[in-house]
Amino acid sequence: MIKFFKNHLNLIGHRVFLVPLIMIIQIAIIFLMTVEFYNYFIFFYIICSIFSLLMVLHIINSRANPGYKIAWIIPIMAFPIFGLLLYVLFGGNQLSKRQKAKMRNIYYKQLKYKDTHNIVMSELRYDNLSAYNQVKYISDYSMTNVCKHTKTTYLSNGKIYYNKLLEAIKSAKKYIFLEYFIIGEGKMWNTILDILKQKVQDGIEVRIIYDDFGCIMTLPNHYDKTLEKYGIKAAVFNRFVPNLKSKFNNRDHRKIAVIDGHIAFTGGINLADEYIGEKVRFGHWKDNGIMLEGQAVWNFTVLFLSMWDFIKEEDEDYEKYHSTYEYETSSDGYVIPYADSPWDNEAVGETVYLNLINKANRYVYITTPYLVLDNEMITALCTAAKRGVDVRIITPGIPDKKLVSEVTKAYYDQLIASGVRIYEYTKGFIHAKTFVVDDEYSTIGTVNLDYRSLYLHFECGVWLYDCSVIFTIKKDFTLTLKECREIKFKNLGKLTWFNSLKRQILKAFAPLM
């Protein structure tokens, strides 16, 4: 009994409890103030109603996603004062002048390291104009270069990813860069940390970026100070503090590892035990990743250093981390890493997905942990299926978030009616974010099919064309299908009026989840 109370007291004292509590108190104060003003000043209510109407007009004419607009217009119109204040605090990605200047400096720095006379682009244009058009978009809006002479290795689960990552870290001679949304104390991270400590003692530079919110339950507060005691340079993205600001919504959801400038990793796998099966959460955890060796790794080096510069307000000389290593291969297709930022008004991750769907002629195979779709994505998927493309989507059989799972299921009937085939992974939770198209294209990365990933988070991925690894990715998809059940209309069942209403409400507010 004493242990029970002690554990609960520790939880109450943890910032995961205290910070939301402080934020709830702030929201409650705002609500009570608006009620109080309303009771005493009817003119205040009228003025706020006018401002709410003007704000709705502003939202309608903004460049935001239509679903996101509707999700905010409803509370603003329903609660003119309170809804307006909440939108002002949370509704946009407003940056201060200082932050805009920082972003502008990062942009010009990335542009400096972008190859504007990339000969591979010219080769691709001659090889396949459709692929070239996709790459041109990625290159122009993600500031990355398409490459050849890059070996790509598909990592079909967390254990394979982990073992390859360990090998790469152990082989490091110059530097190790790690950027992850979640780092969790346990077998996976503790083993990596022991190697990193030794590498620092050997004179190798080690840097780590982690997202504070992503690690709120998995690492102690101010863990960066602990890392720095070991000689590891650390940067924390967007510290989780009890301030009512829209920036609270923006997280660094990327997973990047770069070793010596010639090996890089990305995918859905974080550095925590559930990703390698050492900790069971939501059944079997199915995930994947990709390892790059060769020219394309430089893109991830620049992406990591640009995030480091933004957080630490430093001005690195990226060139000193530019490896001259080239993977000795004739040519195994075209590879271009990409990144997505919520602060540039360009939904790179979603556009990469939409371009792949719209270019498909035979099939589109998708794995995603969440299926919270905007109108553009629904239209693209349904239209592809209607024109005869075999569209298949694998979602989790055991969800990690029940509310998001309810929203996911709310899209099933519309997709299935259009010919899209939906499968649920019966063994547990699928966390992989993968597209495979027509044996020609694929992308693997961190971008979920939900509003948070597509519009609010920093994300990354790798786009592939004409690479042999695409067939390996497709094979893993077809093997995973054998561990899934297909959802058909007869499986959906008839919802009660309450559950139907609940899904409709959740769907309307899905962009704010």
Protein backbone atom coordinates (compact mmCIF):
# COMPACT_ATOMS: atom_id res chain seq x y z
CA MET A 1 0.00 0.00 0.00
CA ILE A 2 2.86 2.38 0.87
CA LYS A 3 4.51 1.61 -2.47
CA PHE A 4 1.19 2.31 -4.27
CA PHE A 5 0.86 5.77 -2.69
CA LYS A 6 4.56 6.51 -3.27
CA ASN A 7 4.24 5.72 -6.99
CA HIS A 8 1.18 7.94 -7.32
CA LEU A 9 2.85 10.78 -5.42
CA ASN A 10 5.81 10.53 -7.81
CA LEU A 11 3.41 10.75 -10.77
CA ILE A 12 1.69 13.82 -9.32
CA GLY A 13 5.07 15.48 -8.90
CA HIS A 14 6.13 14.58 -12.46
CA ARG A 15 6.01 17.35 -15.07
CA VAL A 16 3.73 15.18 -17.24
CA PHE A 17 1.11 15.88 -14.59
CA LEU A 18 2.13 19.37 -13.45
CA VAL A 19 2.54 21.02 -16.88
CA PRO A 20 -0.90 20.01 -18.26
CA LEU A 21 -2.42 20.94 -14.90
CA ILE A 22 -0.95 24.45 -15.11
CA MET A 23 -2.18 24.77 -18.70
CA ILE A 24 -5.68 23.63 -17.70
CA ILE A 25 -5.69 26.23 -14.92
CA GLN A 26 -4.70 28.92 -17.45
CA ILE A 27 -7.52 27.85 -19.80
CA ALA A 28 -9.98 27.80 -16.87
CA ILE A 29 -8.93 31.34 -15.86
CA ILE A 30 -9.48 32.55 -19.43
CA PHE A 31 -12.90 30.88 -19.49
CA LEU A 32 -13.95 32.37 -16.14
CA MET A 33 -12.74 35.82 -17.18
CA THR A 34 -14.78 35.70 -20.37
CA VAL A 35 -17.86 34.56 -18.42
CA GLU A 36 -17.35 37.35 -15.90
CA PHE A 37 -16.96 39.97 -18.61
CA TYR A 38 -20.07 38.64 -20.32
CA ASN A 39 -22.10 39.00 -17.11
CA TYR A 40 -21.11 42.62 -16.61
CA PHE A 41 -20.51 43.94 -20.12
CA ILE A 42 -22.89 42.89 -22.88
CA PHE A 43 -20.96 45.18 -25.21
CA PHE A 44 -17.87 43.05 -24.58
CA TYR A 45 -19.76 40.05 -25.94
CA ILE A 46 -20.87 41.99 -29.01
CA ILE A 47 -17.35 43.24 -29.71
CA CYS A 48 -15.92 39.74 -29.32
CA SER A 49 -18.60 38.38 -31.64
CA ILE A 50 -17.54 40.89 -34.28
CA PHE A 51 -13.90 39.95 -33.80
CA SER A 52 -14.86 36.27 -34.00
CA LEU A 53 -16.61 36.89 -37.31
CA LEU A 54 -13.54 38.72 -38.62
CA MET A 55 -11.34 35.85 -37.42
CA VAL A 56 -13.56 33.34 -39.23
CA LEU A 57 -13.18 35.37 -42.43
CA HIS A 58 -9.41 35.39 -41.86
CA ILE A 59 -9.38 31.59 -41.36
CA ILE A 60 -11.47 31.01 -44.48
CA ASN A 61 -9.06 33.05 -46.58
CA SER A 62 -5.91 31.59 -45.03
CA ARG A 63 -3.74 28.95 -46.70
CA ALA A 64 -4.52 26.37 -44.02
CA ASN A 65 -6.02 22.96 -44.81
CA PRO A 66 -9.85 23.13 -45.19
CA GLY A 67 -10.39 20.48 -42.52
CA TYR A 68 -8.23 22.46 -40.10
CA LYS A 69 -10.26 25.59 -40.89
CA ILE A 70 -13.58 23.87 -40.18
CA ALA A 71 -12.30 22.39 -36.91
CA TRP A 72 -11.56 25.92 -35.66
CA ILE A 73 -14.57 27.71 -37.16
CA ILE A 74 -16.99 25.49 -35.19
CA PRO A 75 -15.77 26.44 -31.66
CA ILE A 76 -15.24 30.09 -32.63
CA MET A 77 -18.82 30.42 -33.88
CA ALA A 78 -20.27 28.33 -31.04
CA PHE A 79 -18.34 30.17 -28.30
CA PRO A 80 -17.40 33.58 -29.76
CA ILE A 81 -15.27 34.76 -26.83
CA PHE A 82 -13.65 31.58 -25.55
CA GLY A 83 -13.24 30.03 -29.01
CA LEU A 84 -11.62 33.20 -30.33
CA LEU A 85 -9.08 33.31 -27.49
CA LEU A 86 -8.21 29.63 -27.93
CA TYR A 87 -7.60 30.17 -31.64
CA VAL A 88 -5.38 33.17 -30.97
CA LEU A 89 -3.33 31.01 -28.58
CA PHE A 90 -3.29 27.70 -30.45
CA GLY A 91 -4.72 28.23 -33.89
CA GLY A 92 -1.75 29.05 -36.04
CA ASN A 93 1.95 28.57 -36.40
CA GLN A 94 2.79 32.15 -35.64
CA LEU A 95 6.50 32.80 -35.44
CA SER A 96 8.15 35.73 -33.77
CA LYS A 97 10.40 38.03 -35.81
CA ARG A 98 13.39 36.36 -34.19
CA GLN A 99 12.18 32.88 -35.13
CA LYS A 100 11.44 34.01 -38.68
CA ALA A 101 14.96 35.38 -38.95
CA LYS A 102 16.37 32.08 -37.69
CA MET A 103 14.29 30.10 -40.19
CA ARG A 104 15.35 32.44 -42.99
CA ASN A 105 19.03 31.95 -42.11
CA ILE A 106 18.57 28.17 -42.07
CA TYR A 107 16.87 28.31 -45.46
CA TYR A 108 19.70 30.25 -47.09
CA LYS A 109 22.25 27.99 -45.47
CA GLN A 110 20.55 24.86 -46.82
CA LEU A 111 20.32 26.55 -50.22
CA LYS A 112 24.08 27.14 -50.09
CA TYR A 113 24.69 23.40 -49.74
CA LYS A 114 22.13 22.41 -52.35
CA ASP A 115 23.58 21.36 -55.71
CA THR A 116 21.80 23.67 -58.16
CA HIS A 117 23.56 22.05 -61.13
CA ASN A 118 22.85 18.47 -60.19
CA ILE A 119 23.72 16.30 -63.19
CA VAL A 120 21.62 13.45 -61.79
CA MET A 121 18.52 15.63 -62.25
CA SER A 122 19.33 15.97 -65.95
CA GLU A 123 19.78 12.20 -66.26
CA LEU A 124 16.46 11.57 -64.50
CA ARG A 125 14.64 14.04 -66.75
CA TYR A 126 15.85 12.08 -69.75
CA ASP A 127 15.09 8.74 -68.08
CA ASN A 128 11.56 9.42 -66.75
CA LEU A 129 9.85 12.81 -66.91
CA SER A 130 7.18 11.80 -64.38
CA ALA A 131 9.82 10.80 -61.81
CA TYR A 132 11.76 13.96 -62.60
CA ASN A 133 8.72 16.14 -61.86
CA GLN A 134 8.30 14.50 -58.45
CA VAL A 135 11.98 14.93 -57.63
CA LYS A 136 12.00 18.56 -58.78
CA TYR A 137 9.26 19.35 -56.29
CA ILE A 138 11.08 17.57 -53.44
CA SER A 139 14.40 19.18 -54.30
CA ASP A 140 12.96 22.70 -54.57
CA TYR A 141 10.85 22.61 -51.39
CA SER A 142 12.98 20.38 -49.19
CA MET A 143 16.39 21.77 -50.20
CA THR A 144 17.79 18.29 -50.84
CA ASN A 145 19.57 16.66 -53.78
CA VAL A 146 18.60 13.57 -55.74
CA CYS A 147 21.46 11.08 -55.83
CA LYS A 148 22.70 7.90 -57.45
CA HIS A 149 25.60 5.75 -56.23
CA THR A 150 23.72 5.13 -52.99
CA LYS A 151 23.20 1.71 -51.49
CA THR A 152 19.77 1.33 -49.86
CA THR A 153 19.06 -1.43 -47.34
CA TYR A 154 15.50 -2.08 -46.18
CA LEU A 155 15.17 -2.86 -42.46
CA SER A 156 11.92 -4.77 -42.01
CA ASN A 157 11.66 -4.62 -38.22
CA GLY A 158 13.09 -2.96 -35.14
CA LYS A 159 15.60 -5.66 -34.25
CA ILE A 160 17.21 -5.57 -37.69
CA TYR A 161 17.29 -1.76 -37.55
CA TYR A 162 18.80 -1.86 -34.06
CA ASN A 163 21.56 -4.31 -34.99
CA LYS A 164 22.51 -2.34 -38.11
CA LEU A 165 22.53 0.90 -36.13
CA LEU A 166 24.77 -0.66 -33.47
CA GLU A 167 27.20 -1.86 -36.14
CA ALA A 168 27.33 1.59 -37.70
CA ILE A 169 27.84 3.38 -34.36
CA LYS A 170 30.59 0.96 -33.35
CA SER A 171 32.36 1.60 -36.66
CA ALA A 172 32.26 5.42 -36.29
CA LYS A 173 35.61 7.16 -36.79
CA LYS A 174 34.66 10.86 -36.87
CA TYR A 175 31.15 11.66 -35.67
CA ILE A 176 27.73 10.30 -34.71
CA PHE A 177 24.55 12.38 -35.11
CA LEU A 178 21.26 11.11 -33.62
CA GLU A 179 17.89 12.90 -33.87
CA TYR A 180 14.84 11.08 -32.49
CA PHE A 181 11.33 11.93 -31.35
CA ILE A 182 11.46 9.35 -28.54
CA ILE A 183 14.44 8.10 -26.57
CA GLY A 184 13.51 5.75 -23.75
CA GLU A 185 15.70 4.35 -20.99
CA GLY A 186 15.95 0.58 -21.36
CA LYS A 187 17.94 -2.11 -23.12
CA MET A 188 18.00 -0.43 -26.55
CA TRP A 189 19.00 3.05 -25.44
CA ASN A 190 21.28 1.97 -22.57
CA THR A 191 23.30 -0.24 -24.93
CA ILE A 192 23.63 2.59 -27.45
CA LEU A 193 24.53 5.07 -24.70
CA ASP A 194 27.35 2.86 -23.39
CA ILE A 195 28.87 2.78 -26.88
CA LEU A 196 28.45 6.54 -27.28
CA LYS A 197 30.26 7.18 -23.99
CA GLN A 198 33.18 5.08 -25.18
CA LYS A 199 33.20 6.82 -28.55
CA VAL A 200 33.42 10.21 -26.83
CA GLN A 201 36.42 8.98 -24.86
CA ASP A 202 37.99 7.90 -28.16
CA GLY A 203 37.71 11.48 -29.41
CA ILE A 204 34.68 10.99 -31.66
CA GLU A 205 32.09 13.78 -31.77
CA VAL A 206 28.61 12.72 -30.65
CA ARG A 207 25.50 14.90 -30.91
CA ILE A 208 21.94 14.07 -29.94
CA ILE A 209 18.68 15.92 -30.62
CA TYR A 210 15.50 14.74 -28.93
CA ASP A 211 11.98 16.11 -28.70
CA ASP A 212 11.07 17.13 -25.17
CA PHE A 213 7.40 16.20 -25.44
CA GLY A 214 8.18 12.88 -27.13
CA CYS A 215 10.48 11.97 -24.23
CA ILE A 216 8.38 13.40 -21.41
CA MET A 217 7.53 9.93 -20.04
CA THR A 218 10.71 8.14 -21.11
CA LEU A 219 13.56 10.41 -19.97
CA PRO A 220 14.18 12.48 -16.82
CA ASN A 221 13.68 16.22 -17.06
CA HIS A 222 16.81 18.06 -18.30
CA TYR A 223 18.32 14.82 -19.56
CA ASP A 224 20.47 16.89 -21.91
CA LYS A 225 22.52 17.96 -18.87
CA THR A 226 23.17 14.29 -18.08
CA LEU A 227 24.34 13.64 -21.64
CA GLU A 228 26.63 16.64 -21.55
CA LYS A 229 28.31 15.26 -18.41
CA TYR A 230 29.30 12.27 -20.54
CA GLY A 231 30.81 14.59 -23.16
CA ILE A 232 27.84 14.15 -25.53
CA LYS A 233 26.52 17.34 -27.11
CA ALA A 234 22.73 17.53 -26.69
CA ALA A 235 19.92 19.73 -27.97
CA VAL A 236 16.28 19.62 -26.86
CA PHE A 237 13.60 20.57 -29.37
CA ASN A 238 10.74 22.78 -28.14
CA ARG A 239 10.95 22.30 -24.39
CA PHE A 240 7.60 21.36 -22.90
CA VAL A 241 6.66 24.33 -20.73
CA PRO A 242 3.22 25.39 -19.42
CA ASN A 243 2.67 28.27 -21.83
CA LEU A 244 -0.44 28.59 -23.97
CA LYS A 245 1.28 28.98 -27.32
CA SER A 246 0.64 27.49 -30.75
CA LYS A 247 4.30 26.44 -30.94
CA PHE A 248 3.42 23.79 -28.35
CA ASN A 249 1.79 21.86 -31.23
CA ASN A 250 5.01 21.64 -33.26
CA ARG A 251 7.21 18.66 -32.47
CA ASP A 252 10.37 17.17 -33.96
CA HIS A 253 8.97 13.82 -35.10
CA ARG A 254 12.02 12.97 -37.23
CA LYS A 255 14.20 9.88 -36.75
CA ILE A 256 17.67 10.43 -38.18
CA ALA A 257 21.04 8.78 -37.52
CA VAL A 258 24.15 9.85 -39.44
CA ILE A 259 27.52 8.18 -38.93
CA ASP A 260 30.68 9.72 -40.41
CA GLY A 261 28.70 11.22 -43.28
CA HIS A 262 28.48 7.99 -45.24
CA ILE A 263 25.82 5.94 -43.37
CA ALA A 264 22.34 7.24 -42.50
CA PHE A 265 19.15 5.76 -41.06
CA THR A 266 15.53 6.87 -41.00
CA GLY A 267 12.07 5.31 -40.70
CA GLY A 268 9.48 4.88 -37.98
CA ILE A 269 11.77 3.40 -35.32
CA ASN A 270 12.59 5.40 -32.19
CA LEU A 271 15.20 4.47 -29.59
CA ALA A 272 12.93 2.69 -27.10
CA ASP A 273 12.41 -0.96 -26.15
CA GLU A 274 8.95 -1.47 -27.68
CA TYR A 275 10.47 -0.86 -31.12
CA ILE A 276 12.73 -3.93 -30.79
CA GLY A 277 10.27 -6.22 -29.02
CA GLU A 278 11.92 -5.96 -25.60
CA LYS A 279 8.81 -4.32 -24.20
CA VAL A 280 5.35 -5.48 -25.25
CA ARG A 281 2.92 -2.67 -26.00
CA PHE A 282 -0.24 -3.15 -28.09
CA GLY A 283 0.70 -6.67 -29.18
CA HIS A 284 3.49 -7.20 -31.67
CA TRP A 285 5.07 -3.89 -32.75
CA LYS A 286 5.60 -3.90 -36.53
CA ASP A 287 7.87 -1.15 -37.83
CA ASN A 288 10.52 -0.55 -40.47
CA GLY A 289 13.38 1.67 -41.53
CA ILE A 290 15.98 2.18 -44.24
CA MET A 291 19.77 2.48 -44.23
CA LEU A 292 21.59 4.60 -46.81
CA GLU A 293 25.27 4.36 -47.76
CA GLY A 294 26.81 6.80 -50.22
CA GLN A 295 26.01 10.16 -51.76
CA ALA A 296 22.47 10.62 -50.44
CA VAL A 297 23.67 10.59 -46.82
CA TRP A 298 24.92 14.19 -47.19
CA ASN A 299 21.28 15.33 -47.31
CA PHE A 300 20.62 13.90 -43.85
CA THR A 301 23.84 15.44 -42.54
CA VAL A 302 22.61 18.88 -43.63
CA LEU A 303 19.10 18.25 -42.24
CA PHE A 304 20.53 17.30 -38.85
CA LEU A 305 22.94 20.23 -38.67
CA SER A 306 20.26 22.71 -39.75
CA MET A 307 18.00 21.53 -36.90
CA TRP A 308 20.95 21.76 -34.52
CA ASP A 309 21.67 25.33 -35.66
CA PHE A 310 18.01 26.27 -35.18
CA ILE A 311 17.80 24.89 -31.62
CA LYS A 312 21.22 25.98 -30.38
CA GLU A 313 21.38 29.21 -32.43
CA GLU A 314 24.79 28.27 -33.75
CA ASP A 315 26.33 28.72 -37.18
CA GLU A 316 28.07 25.49 -38.10
CA ASP A 317 30.42 24.99 -41.00
CA TYR A 318 28.58 22.05 -42.55
CA GLU A 319 31.34 21.41 -45.05
CA LYS A 320 33.67 19.94 -42.45
CA TYR A 321 31.16 17.10 -42.00
CA HIS A 322 30.92 16.41 -45.73
CA SER A 323 32.30 12.93 -46.34
CA THR A 324 34.10 12.15 -49.58
CA TYR A 325 33.02 8.52 -49.24
CA GLU A 326 31.24 7.09 -52.27
CA TYR A 327 29.56 3.72 -52.31
CA GLU A 328 31.14 1.74 -55.12
CA THR A 329 28.20 0.76 -57.27
CA SER A 330 27.27 1.34 -60.88
CA SER A 331 23.73 2.59 -60.35
CA ASP A 332 20.80 1.33 -58.35
CA GLY A 333 18.16 3.91 -59.05
CA TYR A 334 17.52 7.40 -57.74
CA VAL A 335 17.37 8.37 -54.07
CA ILE A 336 16.33 11.68 -52.53
CA PRO A 337 15.85 12.25 -48.79
CA TYR A 338 13.37 14.97 -47.85
CA ALA A 339 12.19 16.93 -44.85
CA ASP A 340 8.96 18.71 -43.95
CA SER A 341 8.58 21.77 -41.73
CA PRO A 342 5.29 23.11 -40.30
CA TRP A 343 6.61 26.67 -40.50
CA ASP A 344 7.05 27.11 -44.25
CA ASN A 345 3.41 26.76 -45.42
CA GLU A 346 4.42 23.88 -47.69
CA ALA A 347 3.09 20.37 -46.90
CA VAL A 348 6.00 18.47 -48.43
CA GLY A 349 5.18 15.13 -46.79
CA GLU A 350 1.58 15.12 -48.00
CA THR A 351 2.53 16.29 -51.49
CA VAL A 352 5.08 13.46 -51.81
CA TYR A 353 2.28 11.01 -50.94
CA LEU A 354 -0.26 12.66 -53.25
CA ASN A 355 2.17 12.65 -56.18
CA LEU A 356 2.80 8.93 -55.72
CA ILE A 357 -0.92 8.13 -55.55
CA ASN A 358 -1.77 10.28 -58.56
CA LYS A 359 1.05 8.78 -60.68
CA ALA A 360 0.09 5.17 -59.87
CA ASN A 361 -1.09 2.98 -62.75
CA ARG A 362 -1.22 -0.51 -61.22
CA TYR A 363 -1.03 -0.45 -57.42
CA VAL A 364 -0.43 1.63 -54.30
CA TYR A 365 0.44 -0.26 -51.10
CA ILE A 366 0.42 1.77 -47.87
CA THR A 367 1.22 1.04 -44.24
CA THR A 368 0.30 3.65 -41.63
CA PRO A 369 -0.44 3.66 -37.88
CA TYR A 370 -3.09 6.37 -38.28
CA LEU A 371 -5.58 7.11 -41.04
CA VAL A 372 -6.85 10.61 -40.32
CA LEU A 373 -7.33 12.01 -43.80
CA ASP A 374 -8.03 15.41 -45.26
CA ASN A 375 -10.19 15.92 -48.35
CA GLU A 376 -7.23 15.94 -50.76
CA MET A 377 -5.95 12.57 -49.53
CA ILE A 378 -9.40 10.94 -49.50
CA THR A 379 -10.07 12.17 -53.03
CA ALA A 380 -6.70 10.94 -54.29
CA LEU A 381 -7.09 7.46 -52.75
CA CYS A 382 -10.71 7.02 -53.86
CA THR A 383 -10.05 8.34 -57.38
CA ALA A 384 -7.06 6.02 -57.79
CA ALA A 385 -9.16 3.02 -56.78
CA LYS A 386 -12.01 4.09 -59.07
CA ARG A 387 -9.70 4.27 -62.08
CA GLY A 388 -8.59 0.67 -61.48
CA VAL A 389 -5.48 1.08 -59.31
CA ASP A 390 -5.13 -1.62 -56.63
CA VAL A 391 -5.04 0.53 -53.47
CA ARG A 392 -4.36 -1.34 -50.23
CA ILE A 393 -3.84 0.15 -46.78
CA ILE A 394 -2.65 -1.67 -43.64
CA THR A 395 -3.62 -0.12 -40.28
CA PRO A 396 -3.15 -1.42 -36.70
CA GLY A 397 -5.29 -4.22 -35.32
CA ILE A 398 -4.45 -3.09 -31.78
CA PRO A 399 -4.31 0.74 -31.66
CA ASP A 400 -2.11 2.81 -29.36
CA LYS A 401 -4.65 5.65 -29.20
CA LYS A 402 -8.30 4.64 -29.03
CA LEU A 403 -9.74 8.01 -30.05
CA VAL A 404 -7.50 8.19 -33.12
CA SER A 405 -8.47 4.60 -33.94
CA GLU A 406 -12.12 5.63 -33.86
CA VAL A 407 -11.37 8.41 -36.35
CA THR A 408 -9.43 5.96 -38.52
CA LYS A 409 -12.40 3.59 -38.65
CA ALA A 410 -14.69 6.50 -39.52
CA TYR A 411 -13.01 6.68 -42.96
CA TYR A 412 -13.34 2.97 -43.73
CA ASP A 413 -16.80 2.99 -45.33
CA GLN A 414 -16.04 5.81 -47.78
CA LEU A 415 -12.72 4.26 -48.82
CA ILE A 416 -14.08 0.72 -49.16
CA ALA A 417 -17.09 1.97 -51.15
CA SER A 418 -14.64 3.47 -53.67
CA GLY A 419 -12.68 0.24 -54.02
CA VAL A 420 -9.84 0.87 -51.56
CA ARG A 421 -8.95 -2.32 -49.67
CA ILE A 422 -8.37 -1.88 -45.92
CA TYR A 423 -6.49 -4.40 -43.77
CA GLU A 424 -5.89 -4.48 -40.02
CA TYR A 425 -2.71 -6.02 -38.63
CA THR A 426 -4.08 -8.71 -36.34
CA LYS A 427 -0.84 -9.36 -34.44
CA GLY A 428 -0.79 -5.91 -32.92
CA PHE A 429 0.31 -2.34 -33.72
CA ILE A 430 1.82 -1.32 -37.05
CA HIS A 431 3.95 1.82 -36.82
CA ALA A 432 5.57 1.71 -40.30
CA LYS A 433 4.96 4.61 -42.71
CA THR A 434 5.56 3.19 -46.18
CA PHE A 435 4.29 3.68 -49.74
CA VAL A 436 5.11 1.29 -52.61
CA VAL A 437 3.88 2.08 -56.13
CA ASP A 438 3.97 0.07 -59.39
CA ASP A 439 7.34 -1.63 -58.63
CA GLU A 440 8.89 1.75 -59.52
CA TYR A 441 8.48 4.09 -56.56
CA SER A 442 8.58 3.91 -52.79
CA THR A 443 8.97 6.16 -49.79
CA ILE A 444 9.86 5.31 -46.19
CA GLY A 445 10.03 7.80 -43.37
CA THR A 446 8.38 9.31 -40.34
CA VAL A 447 5.26 10.87 -41.94
CA ASN A 448 1.98 9.41 -40.65
CA LEU A 449 -1.27 9.82 -42.52
CA ASP A 450 -2.71 12.25 -39.99
CA TYR A 451 -2.95 16.02 -39.59
CA ARG A 452 -0.22 16.24 -36.97
CA SER A 453 2.40 14.65 -39.21
CA LEU A 454 1.24 16.33 -42.39
CA TYR A 455 0.84 19.86 -41.00
CA LEU A 456 2.24 20.32 -37.49
CA HIS A 457 5.41 18.24 -37.09
CA PHE A 458 8.94 18.30 -38.43
CA GLU A 459 9.22 15.10 -40.47
CA CYS A 460 11.55 13.34 -42.89
CA GLY A 461 11.68 10.46 -45.35
CA VAL A 462 13.42 8.92 -48.35
CA TRP A 463 11.89 8.85 -51.84
CA LEU A 464 13.07 6.04 -54.14
CA TYR A 465 12.75 5.42 -57.86
CA ASP A 466 13.96 2.42 -59.88
CA CYS A 467 15.85 0.93 -56.90
CA SER A 468 16.08 -2.82 -56.36
CA VAL A 469 15.18 -2.32 -52.68
CA ILE A 470 11.62 -1.43 -53.76
CA PHE A 471 10.93 -5.10 -54.48
CA THR A 472 12.12 -5.98 -50.95
CA ILE A 473 9.75 -3.39 -49.48
CA LYS A 474 6.88 -4.77 -51.59
CA LYS A 475 7.67 -8.32 -50.47
CA ASP A 476 7.52 -7.29 -46.82
CA PHE A 477 4.14 -5.64 -47.45
CA THR A 478 2.71 -8.80 -49.04
CA LEU A 479 4.06 -10.94 -46.17
CA THR A 480 2.50 -8.56 -43.66
CA LEU A 481 -0.85 -8.89 -45.47
CA LYS A 482 -0.89 -12.57 -44.44
CA GLU A 483 -1.01 -11.41 -40.83
CA CYS A 484 -3.94 -9.07 -41.46
CA ARG A 485 -7.67 -9.31 -41.80
CA GLU A 486 -9.39 -7.47 -44.61
CA ILE A 487 -12.14 -5.10 -43.57
CA LYS A 488 -15.27 -5.39 -45.68
CA PHE A 489 -18.66 -3.74 -45.39
CA LYS A 490 -20.05 -6.76 -43.56
CA ASN A 491 -17.24 -6.41 -40.97
CA LEU A 492 -18.06 -2.79 -40.25
CA GLY A 493 -21.32 -3.63 -38.55
CA LYS A 494 -24.13 -1.26 -37.76
CA LEU A 495 -23.19 1.54 -35.39
CA THR A 496 -25.50 2.72 -32.64
CA TRP A 497 -26.65 6.31 -32.97
CA PHE A 498 -24.32 7.29 -30.12
CA ASN A 499 -21.21 5.73 -31.70
CA SER A 500 -22.14 7.18 -35.06
CA LEU A 501 -22.48 10.67 -33.53
CA LYS A 502 -19.20 10.19 -31.64
CA ARG A 503 -17.31 9.36 -34.83
CA GLN A 504 -18.84 12.31 -36.66
CA ILE A 505 -17.74 14.68 -33.88
CA LEU A 506 -14.24 13.15 -33.71
CA LYS A 507 -13.92 13.37 -37.47
CA ALA A 508 -14.85 17.06 -37.43
CA PHE A 509 -12.20 17.83 -34.80
CA ALA A 510 -9.60 15.35 -36.10
CA PRO A 511 -7.29 18.17 -37.35
CA LEU A 512 -6.90 19.39 -33.76
CA MET A 513 -5.99 15.99 -32.26
